[in-house]
Amino acid sequence: MRSLALLALLAFPQDKKDPPPPDPKILFFTPLGVKAGETVKVIARGLNLDKAESVACAEGGAELKIKSKGKAALPKDAEAAALGDTQVEIEVKVPKDAGEGPLALVVTTPAGKAPAHPLLVVPADKFVREKEQNGGFSTAQPIEAGQWVDGAVSAPKDVDVFRIAGKAGERWVFEVLAHRHGSALDPVLTLHAEGGRQLAAQDDGASSRDPLLRVMLPADGPYYLSLIDAHDQGGATHPYLLHVTREP
């Protein structure tokens, strides 16, 4: 009897269940940050997001709507696990009274929910968008202490230059948020005095590739901060936020 049952199983194999769909994951947003009180389109890039059904804030705080979804082109020699090969375009409406800090977004697909990933919210009066062409001292974009600059190293060998008005003895702090939030950017900051003399530079930070540069200014005058990718790479996968502060 056992042999007959075995023959029956061999003759009529059991139906195989399809493997479960892969888990979704958000790797980063473009841009990395949004302005309070603004309605803006944000790209969530990651793995297995092309079948997204809904998007929500883990703890509320914004109105969200999916505008499109699909595959995302990978840069040459890049791996999907690092930069993602799918994306969701999301319309994000942030309340005017939203406080500064992360907004945890969750994308749901038939396979389940992607782990919450932070989209940074910046108060409207502190938010500045990078403006091209700003690739040299003569075209440097003016910025002030307290501001957050939303930008991207948009192409290989792209250089973004910003200008501050400083005074002797002031202590300025420049911090990049990029790699720790999933961006492919490996940022390098360099501060120059008028005339091009280099005062200070910083590559990696203490716990990530994102640099934090502290400088005491030696004299009154304009100063120029350049931001580049350490490997001269750039594109849609290289967004950043630059935070500029002045210590008391």
Foldseek 3Di string as FASTA:
>chain_A
DVVVVVVVCVVPPDDDDDDADDDWAFQAKVFLADEAQDWDKIKGAAEPQQQWDDKAWPVDFKDKDWDHWDFADDPPPDDCHQQHGIITIMTIGGHLPDDWAWTWMWTAGPRGIYGTATRTYDYNVQEAEQDPPAQDPVNAAEDEARHKYKYWQAFQQGKHKHKYWDAAFWKKKKKKDAVVRRFPALKKKWKAFPPGHTDDIFAQDPPGRIDMDIDGDHHGDMMMMMMAGPVRGTRSRGIMMMHMHIDD
